[in-house]
């Protein structure tokens, strides 16, 4: 520790006095290559439907998605994560549209890989976009059932891999799903497809705008506390991560981000594996709303939030601001 007697020989402000030296001594860095763009895809042609609760975010038809993904790639963003907006008539109790090989998701994956073969495509594996009851798993007699859901998730993962998905991302939080998906992918000849596990996904109040964007929010009966984690728990997150890694996860994720910086740091320090974080819809919307009222500076608070994720050890960040921030970083 530096004592008062060492002043004025030691002045911490010397390394803060100019932009060039601040950049030289920066401990954490943010680049477009650290970002993943989450995108909502919907049916239609030349369709762009703004999401009211997420300023700057829209549901996009496949042609629009392909165009925007090309922009993301040109800016240095290495991957996009797809979230489908499923037509109400296709939302059922058995969620069978989730493993339809010609589903919206699979068509979007094929279009993206045809247009941008070296852009990474991440597919969400969960049943909530397809579920008439809005849950991430199958509901039987009012309860979300685990093992039957895992079987459905395996079918979903395989059709997405067949469409060309590079990374399967189970976000459902069912027990044992990572190992089952790994075995299903391997058996289908997709041993090179990665698994990005939402290993520590909390039952958070920050997901509201996302659920509205994909249309699952109004359908949800009850809550998701029987399968997503209690926000009070930290040690449990380490157990979840350890289990998913043992089952074959290549990358793990903490979700949400900002309220769980301690979890990101503990996961990275404990396991030293690729660790991603999701700046979820509520975090994004909160910053955008404050900026819209003139209470904070939009780009500055977004950058500060993202660099915070990097500082605690996140290797990559899913953020709806990815394209805007990548453009800002390049400028």
Foldseek 3Di string as FASTA:
>chain_A
DDDPVCPPVDDPCVQVPDPVSVVVPDPFDDALQQEEAEAEEEDDDQDWADQVLFPPHTHYHLVVVLVVVVLSVVLPNQEYEYDYQDDLVQAELLLVLLLDLPHSLLVSLLSNCVSPVRRAYEYEQFRQLRHLQRARAHADPRDGDAPSRLVVSLSNLQSNVVSPHQEYEYPRQGPPNLLSNCVSCVVSPNNRRAYEYQQQFAQDPQAVSVCVNSVSVVNHDDGSPVRHDHLVDQVVSLVSVVRNVVSPHQEYEHPADDSVLVNQLCNCVVPVGQYEHEPHRSNSSVLVVCVVVVNDPNLVVVVVSVSSSRVSPHSHYHDNCSSVNSVVVVD
